[in-house]
Amino acid sequence: MTVPVQITVHNLELTEAIRAEIEKKADKLGQFFEEMQKLRIVVDLPHRHSHEGMRYEVRIDMVVPGNEIVIRRQG
């Protein structure tokens, strides 16, 4: 992928393993959107209750010619 990925994390440490996994997925995304102009990925670990476990929130902001695509995922 030719566009650098801007990775932002909240409430967790960005380890090399996490960064590598995000960049791997971003490269795969770049195969489908070759003319991507901007890619920003935000990973958040909001305050959690002890019975819920870890529930990450991921937001992907991607700019392609003529459009901005925003994807939010909670898991």
PDB file of N, CA and C in Angstrom:
ATOM      1  N   MET A   1       0.852  -1.166   0.000  1.00  0.00           N
ATOM      2  CA  MET A   1       0.000   0.000   0.000  1.00  0.00           C
ATOM      3  C   MET A   1       0.897   1.229   0.000  1.00  0.00           C
ATOM      4  N   THR A   2       0.544   2.216  -0.786  1.00  0.00           N
ATOM      5  CA  THR A   2       1.378   3.398  -0.928  1.00  0.00           C
ATOM      6  C   THR A   2       1.059   4.488   0.082  1.00  0.00           C
ATOM      7  N   VAL A   3      -0.105   4.447   0.688  1.00  0.00           N
ATOM      8  CA  VAL A   3      -0.511   5.464   1.658  1.00  0.00           C
ATOM      9  C   VAL A   3      -0.101   5.011   3.057  1.00  0.00           C
ATOM     10  N   PRO A   4       0.594   5.863   3.816  1.00  0.00           N
ATOM     11  CA  PRO A   4       0.915   5.460   5.182  1.00  0.00           C
ATOM     12  C   PRO A   4      -0.342   5.380   6.043  1.00  0.00           C
ATOM     13  N   VAL A   5      -0.319   4.464   6.972  1.00  0.00           N
ATOM     14  CA  VAL A   5      -1.458   4.254   7.869  1.00  0.00           C
ATOM     15  C   VAL A   5      -1.229   5.071   9.134  1.00  0.00           C
ATOM     16  N   GLN A   6      -2.217   5.875   9.508  1.00  0.00           N
ATOM     17  CA  GLN A   6      -2.164   6.595  10.775  1.00  0.00           C
ATOM     18  C   GLN A   6      -2.906   5.747  11.790  1.00  0.00           C
ATOM     19  N   ILE A   7      -2.187   5.262  12.801  1.00  0.00           N
ATOM     20  CA  ILE A   7      -2.774   4.390  13.820  1.00  0.00           C
ATOM     21  C   ILE A   7      -2.831   5.161  15.139  1.00  0.00           C
ATOM     22  N   THR A   8      -4.008   5.183  15.735  1.00  0.00           N
ATOM     23  CA  THR A   8      -4.211   5.831  17.026  1.00  0.00           C
ATOM     24  C   THR A   8      -4.869   4.826  17.954  1.00  0.00           C
ATOM     25  N   VAL A   9      -4.373   4.761  19.187  1.00  0.00           N
ATOM     26  CA  VAL A   9      -4.984   3.872  20.175  1.00  0.00           C
ATOM     27  C   VAL A   9      -5.354   4.687  21.411  1.00  0.00           C
ATOM     28  N   HIS A  10      -6.416   4.255  22.072  1.00  0.00           N
ATOM     29  CA  HIS A  10      -6.875   4.886  23.309  1.00  0.00           C
ATOM     30  C   HIS A  10      -7.034   3.798  24.363  1.00  0.00           C
ATOM     31  N   ASN A  11      -6.506   4.051  25.546  1.00  0.00           N
ATOM     32  CA  ASN A  11      -6.680   3.177  26.711  1.00  0.00           C
ATOM     33  C   ASN A  11      -6.014   1.812  26.566  1.00  0.00           C
ATOM     34  N   LEU A  12      -5.017   1.706  25.714  1.00  0.00           N
ATOM     35  CA  LEU A  12      -4.227   0.483  25.628  1.00  0.00           C
ATOM     36  C   LEU A  12      -2.882   0.817  25.024  1.00  0.00           C
ATOM     37  N   GLU A  13      -1.946  -0.101  25.182  1.00  0.00           N
ATOM     38  CA  GLU A  13      -0.594   0.082  24.673  1.00  0.00           C
ATOM     39  C   GLU A  13      -0.508  -0.445  23.249  1.00  0.00           C
ATOM     40  N   LEU A  14       0.112   0.337  22.372  1.00  0.00           N
ATOM     41  CA  LEU A  14       0.300  -0.086  20.984  1.00  0.00           C
ATOM     42  C   LEU A  14       1.601  -0.873  20.895  1.00  0.00           C
ATOM     43  N   THR A  15       1.490  -2.178  21.015  1.00  0.00           N
ATOM     44  CA  THR A  15       2.669  -3.032  20.934  1.00  0.00           C
ATOM     45  C   THR A  15       3.031  -3.255  19.470  1.00  0.00           C
ATOM     46  N   GLU A  16       4.224  -3.774  19.238  1.00  0.00           N
ATOM     47  CA  GLU A  16       4.659  -4.072  17.876  1.00  0.00           C
ATOM     48  C   GLU A  16       3.774  -5.139  17.243  1.00  0.00           C
ATOM     49  N   ALA A  17       3.301  -6.086  18.030  1.00  0.00           N
ATOM     50  CA  ALA A  17       2.421  -7.142  17.507  1.00  0.00           C
ATOM     51  C   ALA A  17       1.091  -6.552  17.036  1.00  0.00           C
ATOM     52  N   ILE A  18       0.531  -5.643  17.821  1.00  0.00           N
ATOM     53  CA  ILE A  18      -0.731  -5.006  17.436  1.00  0.00           C
ATOM     54  C   ILE A  18      -0.520  -4.150  16.195  1.00  0.00           C
ATOM     55  N   ARG A  19       0.565  -3.367  16.182  1.00  0.00           N
ATOM     56  CA  ARG A  19       0.866  -2.524  15.023  1.00  0.00           C
ATOM     57  C   ARG A  19       1.045  -3.371  13.764  1.00  0.00           C
ATOM     58  N   ALA A  20       1.763  -4.476  13.871  1.00  0.00           N
ATOM     59  CA  ALA A  20       1.995  -5.347  12.716  1.00  0.00           C
ATOM     60  C   ALA A  20       0.685  -5.926  12.187  1.00  0.00           C
ATOM     61  N   GLU A  21      -0.204  -6.329  13.085  1.00  0.00           N
ATOM     62  CA  GLU A  21      -1.495  -6.894  12.670  1.00  0.00           C
ATOM     63  C   GLU A  21      -2.353  -5.833  11.974  1.00  0.00           C
ATOM     64  N   ILE A  22      -2.370  -4.622  12.515  1.00  0.00           N
ATOM     65  CA  ILE A  22      -3.130  -3.536  11.893  1.00  0.00           C
ATOM     66  C   ILE A  22      -2.574  -3.225  10.510  1.00  0.00           C
ATOM     67  N   GLU A  23      -1.253  -3.144  10.386  1.00  0.00           N
ATOM     68  CA  GLU A  23      -0.644  -2.842   9.093  1.00  0.00           C
ATOM     69  C   GLU A  23      -0.881  -3.962   8.084  1.00  0.00           C
ATOM     70  N   LYS A  24      -0.897  -5.200   8.547  1.00  0.00           N
ATOM     71  CA  LYS A  24      -1.190  -6.339   7.664  1.00  0.00           C
ATOM     72  C   LYS A  24      -2.610  -6.226   7.106  1.00  0.00           C
ATOM     73  N   LYS A  25      -3.570  -5.918   7.979  1.00  0.00           N
ATOM     74  CA  LYS A  25      -4.963  -5.757   7.541  1.00  0.00           C
ATOM     75  C   LYS A  25      -5.105  -4.536   6.629  1.00  0.00           C
ATOM     76  N   ALA A  26      -4.371  -3.474   6.917  1.00  0.00           N
ATOM     77  CA  ALA A  26      -4.430  -2.270   6.085  1.00  0.00           C
ATOM     78  C   ALA A  26      -3.879  -2.550   4.685  1.00  0.00           C
ATOM     79  N   ASP A  27      -2.822  -3.330   4.600  1.00  0.00           N
ATOM     80  CA  ASP A  27      -2.277  -3.710   3.296  1.00  0.00           C
ATOM     81  C   ASP A  27      -3.307  -4.485   2.490  1.00  0.00           C
ATOM     82  N   LYS A  28      -4.012  -5.376   3.140  1.00  0.00           N
ATOM     83  CA  LYS A  28      -5.053  -6.151   2.460  1.00  0.00           C
ATOM     84  C   LYS A  28      -6.164  -5.218   1.974  1.00  0.00           C
ATOM     85  N   LEU A  29      -6.545  -4.250   2.794  1.00  0.00           N
ATOM     86  CA  LEU A  29      -7.552  -3.274   2.408  1.00  0.00           C
ATOM     87  C   LEU A  29      -7.079  -2.467   1.196  1.00  0.00           C
ATOM     88  N   GLY A  30      -5.797  -2.146   1.163  1.00  0.00           N
ATOM     89  CA  GLY A  30      -5.227  -1.398   0.053  1.00  0.00           C
ATOM     90  C   GLY A  30      -5.297  -2.143  -1.270  1.00  0.00           C
ATOM     91  N   GLN A  31      -5.400  -3.463  -1.240  1.00  0.00           N
ATOM     92  CA  GLN A  31      -5.529  -4.244  -2.466  1.00  0.00           C
ATOM     93  C   GLN A  31      -6.878  -3.999  -3.131  1.00  0.00           C
ATOM     94  N   PHE A  32      -7.896  -3.679  -2.346  1.00  0.00           N
ATOM     95  CA  PHE A  32      -9.231  -3.438  -2.877  1.00  0.00           C
ATOM     96  C   PHE A  32      -9.449  -1.980  -3.275  1.00  0.00           C
ATOM     97  N   PHE A  33      -8.716  -1.078  -2.641  1.00  0.00           N
ATOM     98  CA  PHE A  33      -8.833   0.345  -2.914  1.00  0.00           C
ATOM     99  C   PHE A  33      -7.455   0.882  -3.269  1.00  0.00           C
ATOM    100  N   GLU A  34      -7.008   0.618  -4.483  1.00  0.00           N
ATOM    101  CA  GLU A  34      -5.661   0.980  -4.905  1.00  0.00           C
ATOM    102  C   GLU A  34      -5.432   2.488  -4.943  1.00  0.00           C
ATOM    103  N   GLU A  35      -6.488   3.271  -5.140  1.00  0.00           N
ATOM    104  CA  GLU A  35      -6.337   4.717  -5.227  1.00  0.00           C
ATOM    105  C   GLU A  35      -6.629   5.408  -3.897  1.00  0.00           C
ATOM    106  N   MET A  36      -6.457   4.686  -2.790  1.00  0.00           N
ATOM    107  CA  MET A  36      -6.704   5.245  -1.472  1.00  0.00           C
ATOM    108  C   MET A  36      -5.774   6.434  -1.235  1.00  0.00           C
ATOM    109  N   GLN A  37      -6.330   7.511  -0.692  1.00  0.00           N
ATOM    110  CA  GLN A  37      -5.557   8.721  -0.451  1.00  0.00           C
ATOM    111  C   GLN A  37      -5.201   8.905   1.019  1.00  0.00           C
ATOM    112  N   LYS A  38      -6.005   8.345   1.903  1.00  0.00           N
ATOM    113  CA  LYS A  38      -5.772   8.509   3.337  1.00  0.00           C
ATOM    114  C   LYS A  38      -6.369   7.323   4.070  1.00  0.00           C
ATOM    115  N   LEU A  39      -5.675   6.876   5.106  1.00  0.00           N
ATOM    116  CA  LEU A  39      -6.192   5.784   5.922  1.00  0.00           C
ATOM    117  C   LEU A  39      -5.829   6.059   7.376  1.00  0.00           C
ATOM    118  N   ARG A  40      -6.857   6.131   8.208  1.00  0.00           N
ATOM    119  CA  ARG A  40      -6.669   6.343   9.649  1.00  0.00           C
ATOM    120  C   ARG A  40      -7.433   5.260  10.380  1.00  0.00           C
ATOM    121  N   ILE A  41      -6.756   4.607  11.318  1.00  0.00           N
ATOM    122  CA  ILE A  41      -7.370   3.541  12.104  1.00  0.00           C
ATOM    123  C   ILE A  41      -7.253   3.904  13.579  1.00  0.00           C
ATOM    124  N   VAL A  42      -8.391   3.889  14.268  1.00  0.00           N
ATOM    125  CA  VAL A  42      -8.431   4.203  15.700  1.00  0.00           C
ATOM    126  C   VAL A  42      -8.934   2.965  16.434  1.00  0.00           C
ATOM    127  N   VAL A  43      -8.162   2.517  17.423  1.00  0.00           N
ATOM    128  CA  VAL A  43      -8.549   1.377  18.247  1.00  0.00           C
ATOM    129  C   VAL A  43      -8.724   1.892  19.669  1.00  0.00           C
ATOM    130  N   ASP A  44      -9.874   1.604  20.245  1.00  0.00           N
ATOM    131  CA  ASP A  44     -10.193   2.100  21.581  1.00  0.00           C
ATOM    132  C   ASP A  44     -10.612   0.937  22.463  1.00  0.00           C
ATOM    133  N   LEU A  45     -10.178   0.973  23.685  1.00  0.00           N
ATOM    134  CA  LEU A  45     -10.612   0.008  24.692  1.00  0.00           C
ATOM    135  C   LEU A  45     -11.337   0.816  25.768  1.00  0.00           C
ATOM    136  N   PRO A  46     -12.643   1.036  25.580  1.00  0.00           N
ATOM    137  CA  PRO A  46     -13.373   1.859  26.552  1.00  0.00           C
ATOM    138  C   PRO A  46     -13.442   1.185  27.913  1.00  0.00           C
ATOM    139  N   HIS A  47     -13.818   1.974  28.904  1.00  0.00           N
ATOM    140  CA  HIS A  47     -13.973   1.417  30.251  1.00  0.00           C
ATOM    141  C   HIS A  47     -14.897   0.209  30.188  1.00  0.00           C
ATOM    142  N   ARG A  48     -14.512  -0.836  30.851  1.00  0.00           N
ATOM    143  CA  ARG A  48     -15.302  -2.064  30.761  1.00  0.00           C
ATOM    144  C   ARG A  48     -15.738  -2.514  32.143  1.00  0.00           C
ATOM    145  N   HIS A  49     -16.818  -3.245  32.164  1.00  0.00           N
ATOM    146  CA  HIS A  49     -17.281  -3.874  33.387  1.00  0.00           C
ATOM    147  C   HIS A  49     -16.639  -5.250  33.470  1.00  0.00           C
ATOM    148  N   SER A  50     -16.408  -5.726  34.658  1.00  0.00           N
ATOM    149  CA  SER A  50     -15.663  -6.968  34.834  1.00  0.00           C
ATOM    150  C   SER A  50     -16.347  -8.169  34.185  1.00  0.00           C
ATOM    151  N   HIS A  51     -17.644  -8.163  34.008  1.00  0.00           N
ATOM    152  CA  HIS A  51     -18.337  -9.310  33.436  1.00  0.00           C
ATOM    153  C   HIS A  51     -18.383  -9.279  31.901  1.00  0.00           C
ATOM    154  N   GLU A  52     -17.942  -8.182  31.292  1.00  0.00           N
ATOM    155  CA  GLU A  52     -17.998  -8.069  29.842  1.00  0.00           C
ATOM    156  C   GLU A  52     -16.716  -8.507  29.150  1.00  0.00           C
ATOM    157  N   GLY A  53     -15.601  -8.505  29.832  1.00  0.00           N
ATOM    158  CA  GLY A  53     -14.342  -8.809  29.176  1.00  0.00           C
ATOM    159  C   GLY A  53     -13.876  -7.629  28.355  1.00  0.00           C
ATOM    160  N   MET A  54     -12.873  -7.859  27.495  1.00  0.00           N
ATOM    161  CA  MET A  54     -12.333  -6.785  26.672  1.00  0.00           C
ATOM    162  C   MET A  54     -13.164  -6.629  25.409  1.00  0.00           C
ATOM    163  N   ARG A  55     -13.683  -5.428  25.206  1.00  0.00           N
ATOM    164  CA  ARG A  55     -14.487  -5.136  24.019  1.00  0.00           C
ATOM    165  C   ARG A  55     -13.852  -3.953  23.305  1.00  0.00           C
ATOM    166  N   TYR A  56     -13.144  -4.241  22.253  1.00  0.00           N
ATOM    167  CA  TYR A  56     -12.469  -3.203  21.491  1.00  0.00           C
ATOM    168  C   TYR A  56     -13.446  -2.517  20.547  1.00  0.00           C
ATOM    169  N   GLU A  57     -13.185  -1.248  20.287  1.00  0.00           N
ATOM    170  CA  GLU A  57     -13.897  -0.501  19.265  1.00  0.00           C
ATOM    171  C   GLU A  57     -12.870  -0.083  18.224  1.00  0.00           C
ATOM    172  N   VAL A  58     -13.171  -0.313  16.966  1.00  0.00           N
ATOM    173  CA  VAL A  58     -12.259   0.033  15.881  1.00  0.00           C
ATOM    174  C   VAL A  58     -12.994   0.942  14.911  1.00  0.00           C
ATOM    175  N   ARG A  59     -12.343   2.009  14.516  1.00  0.00           N
ATOM    176  CA  ARG A  59     -12.896   2.929  13.527  1.00  0.00           C
ATOM    177  C   ARG A  59     -11.876   3.076  12.408  1.00  0.00           C
ATOM    178  N   ILE A  60     -12.342   2.940  11.175  1.00  0.00           N
ATOM    179  CA  ILE A  60     -11.491   3.092   9.998  1.00  0.00           C
ATOM    180  C   ILE A  60     -12.034   4.261   9.192  1.00  0.00           C
ATOM    181  N   ASP A  61     -11.201   5.263   8.979  1.00  0.00           N
ATOM    182  CA  ASP A  61     -11.533   6.398   8.120  1.00  0.00           C
ATOM    183  C   ASP A  61     -10.653   6.297   6.884  1.00  0.00           C
ATOM    184  N   MET A  62     -11.290   6.202   5.736  1.00  0.00           N
ATOM    185  CA  MET A  62     -10.552   6.010   4.498  1.00  0.00           C
ATOM    186  C   MET A  62     -11.055   7.015   3.468  1.00  0.00           C
ATOM    187  N   VAL A  63     -10.122   7.666   2.787  1.00  0.00           N
ATOM    188  CA  VAL A  63     -10.484   8.603   1.734  1.00  0.00           C
ATOM    189  C   VAL A  63     -10.018   8.013   0.404  1.00  0.00           C
ATOM    190  N   VAL A  64     -10.968   7.889  -0.524  1.00  0.00           N
ATOM    191  CA  VAL A  64     -10.693   7.461  -1.894  1.00  0.00           C
ATOM    192  C   VAL A  64     -11.189   8.587  -2.796  1.00  0.00           C
ATOM    193  N   PRO A  65     -10.760   8.640  -4.035  1.00  0.00           N
ATOM    194  CA  PRO A  65     -11.181   9.750  -4.895  1.00  0.00           C
ATOM    195  C   PRO A  65     -12.702   9.939  -4.900  1.00  0.00           C
ATOM    196  N   GLY A  66     -13.125  11.104  -4.447  1.00  0.00           N
ATOM    197  CA  GLY A  66     -14.535  11.452  -4.475  1.00  0.00           C
ATOM    198  C   GLY A  66     -15.361  10.993  -3.294  1.00  0.00           C
ATOM    199  N   ASN A  67     -14.801  10.211  -2.382  1.00  0.00           N
ATOM    200  CA  ASN A  67     -15.580   9.680  -1.254  1.00  0.00           C
ATOM    201  C   ASN A  67     -14.742   9.540   0.003  1.00  0.00           C
ATOM    202  N   GLU A  68     -15.446   9.591   1.133  1.00  0.00           N
ATOM    203  CA  GLU A  68     -14.851   9.233   2.416  1.00  0.00           C
ATOM    204  C   GLU A  68     -15.665   8.078   2.969  1.00  0.00           C
ATOM    205  N   ILE A  69     -14.985   7.027   3.366  1.00  0.00           N
ATOM    206  CA  ILE A  69     -15.636   5.842   3.881  1.00  0.00           C
ATOM    207  C   ILE A  69     -15.272   5.707   5.357  1.00  0.00           C
ATOM    208  N   VAL A  70     -16.295   5.542   6.201  1.00  0.00           N
ATOM    209  CA  VAL A  70     -16.078   5.382   7.637  1.00  0.00           C
ATOM    210  C   VAL A  70     -16.702   4.065   8.064  1.00  0.00           C
ATOM    211  N   ILE A  71     -15.906   3.259   8.756  1.00  0.00           N
ATOM    212  CA  ILE A  71     -16.373   1.960   9.241  1.00  0.00           C
ATOM    213  C   ILE A  71     -16.127   1.921  10.741  1.00  0.00           C
ATOM    214  N   ARG A  72     -17.151   1.539  11.489  1.00  0.00           N
ATOM    215  CA  ARG A  72     -17.025   1.378  12.944  1.00  0.00           C
ATOM    216  C   ARG A  72     -17.386  -0.053  13.307  1.00  0.00           C
ATOM    217  N   ARG A  73     -16.609  -0.617  14.211  1.00  0.00           N
ATOM    218  CA  ARG A  73     -16.847  -2.007  14.601  1.00  0.00           C
ATOM    219  C   ARG A  73     -16.619  -2.146  16.095  1.00  0.00           C
ATOM    220  N   GLN A  74     -17.566  -2.757  16.768  1.00  0.00           N
ATOM    221  CA  GLN A  74     -17.415  -3.063  18.184  1.00  0.00           C
ATOM    222  C   GLN A  74     -17.459  -4.571  18.339  1.00  0.00           C
ATOM    223  N   GLY A  75     -16.602  -5.084  19.183  1.00  0.00           N
ATOM    224  CA  GLY A  75     -16.581  -6.527  19.292  1.00  0.00           C
ATOM    225  C   GLY A  75     -16.247  -7.026  20.644  1.00  0.00           C
TER     226      GLY A  75
END
